[in-house]
Amino acid sequence: MEREQEALRGFLLALCCGKKDDADDLAQDALVKAYLSCEGYQDQGKFRSWLFKIAYNTFLNHKASLRCTESIDEARTLVSSNSSDNGFEHQDLYLALRTLPPKERSSITLFYLNGYSIKEIATITDTSEDAVKKQLSRGRDRLREQLKIES
């Protein structure tokens, strides 16, 4: 588990839209859950995928992280100007991610920030590969619109 902590925290930081305290709390919860259920790990896949699945489910159960906003401007008003996370290099991306529904946010994060395949994302999120493809497509479209990126 020690080898996976940094990747897990990075994954949760993206899901929590740069809110480091929330990401750290979720990572701790996920690691405890993984430790308590390690007998259930049957080495049928990557350990990281198993751990990320636990973290993903922990994220979904954490109501505060799920709040979506309509726009980056709305997200900016929710983020305190004295927050240490405001100086983060990828703040605009995190603010844009905040506008996505949790499933789209998770798929985008797993695919683009963590390098998982569509098949692996489907396993982690307990959805079909087609659902993941749709979530990625919708998420990209919404991010493109929020970040005003030309296609």
C-alpha atoms as a PDB file:
ATOM      1  CA  MET A   1       0.000   0.000   0.000  1.00  0.00           C
ATOM      2  CA  GLU A   2       2.886   2.363   0.700  1.00  0.00           C
ATOM      3  CA  ARG A   3       3.922   2.291  -2.982  1.00  0.00           C
ATOM      4  CA  GLU A   4       0.428   3.279  -4.103  1.00  0.00           C
ATOM      5  CA  GLN A   5      -0.227   6.144  -1.673  1.00  0.00           C
ATOM      6  CA  GLU A   6       1.083   8.918  -3.922  1.00  0.00           C
ATOM      7  CA  ALA A   7      -0.916   7.749  -6.953  1.00  0.00           C
ATOM      8  CA  LEU A   8      -4.003   7.287  -4.789  1.00  0.00           C
ATOM      9  CA  ARG A   9      -3.711  10.785  -3.338  1.00  0.00           C
ATOM     10  CA  GLY A  10      -3.231  12.257  -6.826  1.00  0.00           C
ATOM     11  CA  PHE A  11      -6.321  10.448  -8.093  1.00  0.00           C
ATOM     12  CA  LEU A  12      -8.418  11.662  -5.169  1.00  0.00           C
ATOM     13  CA  LEU A  13      -6.998  15.188  -5.408  1.00  0.00           C
ATOM     14  CA  ALA A  14      -8.297  15.393  -8.974  1.00  0.00           C
ATOM     15  CA  LEU A  15     -11.673  13.930  -7.986  1.00  0.00           C
ATOM     16  CA  CYS A  16     -11.887  16.472  -5.157  1.00  0.00           C
ATOM     17  CA  CYS A  17     -11.077  19.306  -7.571  1.00  0.00           C
ATOM     18  CA  GLY A  18      -7.825  20.246  -5.863  1.00  0.00           C
ATOM     19  CA  LYS A  19      -9.215  20.249  -2.324  1.00  0.00           C
ATOM     20  CA  LYS A  20      -6.202  18.697  -0.609  1.00  0.00           C
ATOM     21  CA  ASP A  21      -7.799  18.237   2.813  1.00  0.00           C
ATOM     22  CA  ASP A  22     -10.760  16.344   1.342  1.00  0.00           C
ATOM     23  CA  ALA A  23      -8.442  14.233  -0.822  1.00  0.00           C
ATOM     24  CA  ASP A  24      -6.249  13.368   2.176  1.00  0.00           C
ATOM     25  CA  ASP A  25      -9.293  12.409   4.269  1.00  0.00           C
ATOM     26  CA  LEU A  26     -10.654  10.206   1.497  1.00  0.00           C
ATOM     27  CA  ALA A  27      -7.250   8.619   0.910  1.00  0.00           C
ATOM     28  CA  GLN A  28      -6.972   7.775   4.598  1.00  0.00           C
ATOM     29  CA  ASP A  29     -10.490   6.295   4.602  1.00  0.00           C
ATOM     30  CA  ALA A  30      -9.767   4.298   1.457  1.00  0.00           C
ATOM     31  CA  LEU A  31      -6.487   2.949   2.831  1.00  0.00           C
ATOM     32  CA  VAL A  32      -8.160   1.859   6.059  1.00  0.00           C
ATOM     33  CA  LYS A  33     -10.954   0.158   4.089  1.00  0.00           C
ATOM     34  CA  ALA A  34      -8.389  -1.563   1.862  1.00  0.00           C
ATOM     35  CA  TYR A  35      -6.400  -2.734   4.868  1.00  0.00           C
ATOM     36  CA  LEU A  36      -9.510  -4.098   6.565  1.00  0.00           C
ATOM     37  CA  SER A  37     -10.615  -5.918   3.418  1.00  0.00           C
ATOM     38  CA  CYS A  38      -7.197  -7.079   2.181  1.00  0.00           C
ATOM     39  CA  GLU A  39      -8.289 -10.698   2.634  1.00  0.00           C
ATOM     40  CA  GLY A  40     -10.804 -10.031  -0.152  1.00  0.00           C
ATOM     41  CA  TYR A  41      -8.075  -9.114  -2.642  1.00  0.00           C
ATOM     42  CA  GLN A  42      -7.569 -12.174  -4.789  1.00  0.00           C
ATOM     43  CA  ASP A  43      -4.716 -11.000  -7.024  1.00  0.00           C
ATOM     44  CA  GLN A  44      -6.934 -11.232 -10.121  1.00  0.00           C
ATOM     45  CA  GLY A  45      -5.822  -7.849 -11.364  1.00  0.00           C
ATOM     46  CA  LYS A  46      -3.682  -4.913 -10.551  1.00  0.00           C
ATOM     47  CA  PHE A  47      -3.497  -4.021  -6.884  1.00  0.00           C
ATOM     48  CA  ARG A  48      -3.694  -0.339  -7.833  1.00  0.00           C
ATOM     49  CA  SER A  49      -6.990  -0.907  -9.674  1.00  0.00           C
ATOM     50  CA  TRP A  50      -8.422  -2.687  -6.643  1.00  0.00           C
ATOM     51  CA  LEU A  51      -7.293   0.142  -4.378  1.00  0.00           C
ATOM     52  CA  PHE A  52      -8.630   2.806  -6.773  1.00  0.00           C
ATOM     53  CA  LYS A  53     -11.989   1.039  -6.843  1.00  0.00           C
ATOM     54  CA  ILE A  54     -12.167   1.307  -3.053  1.00  0.00           C
ATOM     55  CA  ALA A  55     -11.125   4.970  -3.275  1.00  0.00           C
ATOM     56  CA  TYR A  56     -13.696   5.647  -6.002  1.00  0.00           C
ATOM     57  CA  ASN A  57     -16.482   4.151  -3.894  1.00  0.00           C
ATOM     58  CA  THR A  58     -15.268   6.129  -0.883  1.00  0.00           C
ATOM     59  CA  PHE A  59     -15.373   9.278  -3.019  1.00  0.00           C
ATOM     60  CA  LEU A  60     -18.937   8.524  -4.155  1.00  0.00           C
ATOM     61  CA  ASN A  61     -20.010   8.107  -0.538  1.00  0.00           C
ATOM     62  CA  HIS A  62     -18.458  11.449   0.447  1.00  0.00           C
ATOM     63  CA  LYS A  63     -21.264  13.951  -0.155  1.00  0.00           C
ATOM     64  CA  ALA A  64     -19.165  17.127   0.093  1.00  0.00           C
ATOM     65  CA  SER A  65     -16.945  16.151  -2.853  1.00  0.00           C
ATOM     66  CA  LEU A  66     -19.893  15.498  -5.129  1.00  0.00           C
ATOM     67  CA  ARG A  67     -21.184  19.031  -5.340  1.00  0.00           C
ATOM     68  CA  CYS A  68     -21.107  20.125  -8.959  1.00  0.00           C
ATOM     69  CA  THR A  69     -21.122  23.699 -10.117  1.00  0.00           C
ATOM     70  CA  GLU A  70     -22.501  25.152 -13.325  1.00  0.00           C
ATOM     71  CA  SER A  71     -19.417  27.078 -14.392  1.00  0.00           C
ATOM     72  CA  ILE A  72     -15.811  27.795 -13.525  1.00  0.00           C
ATOM     73  CA  ASP A  73     -16.888  31.229 -12.305  1.00  0.00           C
ATOM     74  CA  GLU A  74     -19.330  29.639  -9.845  1.00  0.00           C
ATOM     75  CA  ALA A  75     -16.620  27.227  -8.717  1.00  0.00           C
ATOM     76  CA  ARG A  76     -14.237  30.148  -8.153  1.00  0.00           C
ATOM     77  CA  THR A  77     -16.732  31.830  -5.844  1.00  0.00           C
ATOM     78  CA  LEU A  78     -16.970  28.635  -3.792  1.00  0.00           C
ATOM     79  CA  VAL A  79     -13.214  28.396  -3.359  1.00  0.00           C
ATOM     80  CA  SER A  80     -11.954  30.688  -0.640  1.00  0.00           C
ATOM     81  CA  SER A  81      -9.460  33.293  -1.783  1.00  0.00           C
ATOM     82  CA  ASN A  82      -7.210  32.466   1.169  1.00  0.00           C
ATOM     83  CA  SER A  83      -7.145  28.735   0.451  1.00  0.00           C
ATOM     84  CA  SER A  84      -3.675  27.307  -0.015  1.00  0.00           C
ATOM     85  CA  ASP A  85      -5.026  25.221  -2.884  1.00  0.00           C
ATOM     86  CA  ASN A  86      -5.746  28.377  -4.941  1.00  0.00           C
ATOM     87  CA  GLY A  87      -2.086  28.652  -5.828  1.00  0.00           C
ATOM     88  CA  PHE A  88      -2.074  25.162  -7.276  1.00  0.00           C
ATOM     89  CA  GLU A  89      -0.678  24.950 -10.790  1.00  0.00           C
ATOM     90  CA  HIS A  90      -3.763  23.228 -12.254  1.00  0.00           C
ATOM     91  CA  GLN A  91      -6.440  25.210 -10.444  1.00  0.00           C
ATOM     92  CA  ASP A  92      -8.433  26.009 -13.619  1.00  0.00           C
ATOM     93  CA  LEU A  93      -8.561  22.319 -14.487  1.00  0.00           C
ATOM     94  CA  TYR A  94      -9.757  21.438 -10.986  1.00  0.00           C
ATOM     95  CA  LEU A  95     -12.376  24.169 -11.159  1.00  0.00           C
ATOM     96  CA  ALA A  96     -13.538  22.832 -14.530  1.00  0.00           C
ATOM     97  CA  LEU A  97     -13.590  19.275 -13.162  1.00  0.00           C
ATOM     98  CA  ARG A  98     -15.845  20.544 -10.391  1.00  0.00           C
ATOM     99  CA  THR A  99     -18.501  21.301 -13.020  1.00  0.00           C
ATOM    100  CA  LEU A 100     -18.652  17.646 -14.068  1.00  0.00           C
ATOM    101  CA  PRO A 101     -20.953  15.065 -12.508  1.00  0.00           C
ATOM    102  CA  PRO A 102     -18.997  12.575 -10.342  1.00  0.00           C
ATOM    103  CA  LYS A 103     -19.060   9.709 -12.855  1.00  0.00           C
ATOM    104  CA  GLU A 104     -17.739  11.880 -15.682  1.00  0.00           C
ATOM    105  CA  ARG A 105     -15.161  13.431 -13.354  1.00  0.00           C
ATOM    106  CA  SER A 106     -13.998   9.972 -12.313  1.00  0.00           C
ATOM    107  CA  SER A 107     -13.722   8.672 -15.873  1.00  0.00           C
ATOM    108  CA  ILE A 108     -11.818  11.758 -17.046  1.00  0.00           C
ATOM    109  CA  THR A 109      -9.480  11.568 -14.055  1.00  0.00           C
ATOM    110  CA  LEU A 110      -8.791   7.856 -14.402  1.00  0.00           C
ATOM    111  CA  PHE A 111      -8.266   8.024 -18.168  1.00  0.00           C
ATOM    112  CA  TYR A 112      -6.304  11.240 -18.618  1.00  0.00           C
ATOM    113  CA  LEU A 113      -4.582  11.777 -15.298  1.00  0.00           C
ATOM    114  CA  ASN A 114      -3.941   8.163 -14.283  1.00  0.00           C
ATOM    115  CA  GLY A 115      -3.618   6.433 -17.656  1.00  0.00           C
ATOM    116  CA  TYR A 116      -6.193   3.698 -17.146  1.00  0.00           C
ATOM    117  CA  SER A 117      -7.768   2.005 -20.156  1.00  0.00           C
ATOM    118  CA  ILE A 118     -11.496   2.127 -20.776  1.00  0.00           C
ATOM    119  CA  LYS A 119     -11.747  -1.523 -19.725  1.00  0.00           C
ATOM    120  CA  GLU A 120      -9.926  -0.832 -16.442  1.00  0.00           C
ATOM    121  CA  ILE A 121     -12.125   2.208 -15.744  1.00  0.00           C
ATOM    122  CA  ALA A 122     -15.227   0.090 -16.327  1.00  0.00           C
ATOM    123  CA  THR A 123     -13.944  -2.383 -13.744  1.00  0.00           C
ATOM    124  CA  ILE A 124     -13.068   0.299 -11.189  1.00  0.00           C
ATOM    125  CA  THR A 125     -16.396   2.124 -11.568  1.00  0.00           C
ATOM    126  CA  ASP A 126     -18.609  -0.961 -12.011  1.00  0.00           C
ATOM    127  CA  THR A 127     -19.995   0.256 -15.345  1.00  0.00           C
ATOM    128  CA  SER A 128     -19.870  -0.945 -18.926  1.00  0.00           C
ATOM    129  CA  GLU A 129     -17.151   0.083 -21.346  1.00  0.00           C
ATOM    130  CA  ASP A 130     -19.793   1.876 -23.444  1.00  0.00           C
ATOM    131  CA  ALA A 131     -20.859   3.886 -20.392  1.00  0.00           C
ATOM    132  CA  VAL A 132     -17.233   4.883 -19.766  1.00  0.00           C
ATOM    133  CA  LYS A 133     -16.854   5.979 -23.400  1.00  0.00           C
ATOM    134  CA  LYS A 134     -19.981   8.124 -23.097  1.00  0.00           C
ATOM    135  CA  GLN A 135     -18.774   9.618 -19.811  1.00  0.00           C
ATOM    136  CA  LEU A 136     -15.410  10.448 -21.386  1.00  0.00           C
ATOM    137  CA  SER A 137     -17.068  12.031 -24.402  1.00  0.00           C
ATOM    138  CA  ARG A 138     -19.485  14.111 -22.327  1.00  0.00           C
ATOM    139  CA  GLY A 139     -16.747  15.058 -19.890  1.00  0.00           C
ATOM    140  CA  ARG A 140     -14.400  16.200 -22.660  1.00  0.00           C
ATOM    141  CA  ASP A 141     -17.185  18.258 -24.242  1.00  0.00           C
ATOM    142  CA  ARG A 142     -18.027  19.924 -20.929  1.00  0.00           C
ATOM    143  CA  LEU A 143     -14.387  20.595 -20.092  1.00  0.00           C
ATOM    144  CA  ARG A 144     -13.781  22.016 -23.567  1.00  0.00           C
ATOM    145  CA  GLU A 145     -16.762  24.340 -23.071  1.00  0.00           C
ATOM    146  CA  GLN A 146     -15.742  25.374 -19.548  1.00  0.00           C
ATOM    147  CA  LEU A 147     -12.105  25.943 -20.452  1.00  0.00           C
ATOM    148  CA  LYS A 148     -13.069  27.526 -23.787  1.00  0.00           C
ATOM    149  CA  ILE A 149     -10.795  25.219 -25.757  1.00  0.00           C
ATOM    150  CA  GLU A 150     -11.230  25.020 -29.518  1.00  0.00           C
ATOM    151  CA  SER A 151     -11.661  21.445 -30.812  1.00  0.00           C
END
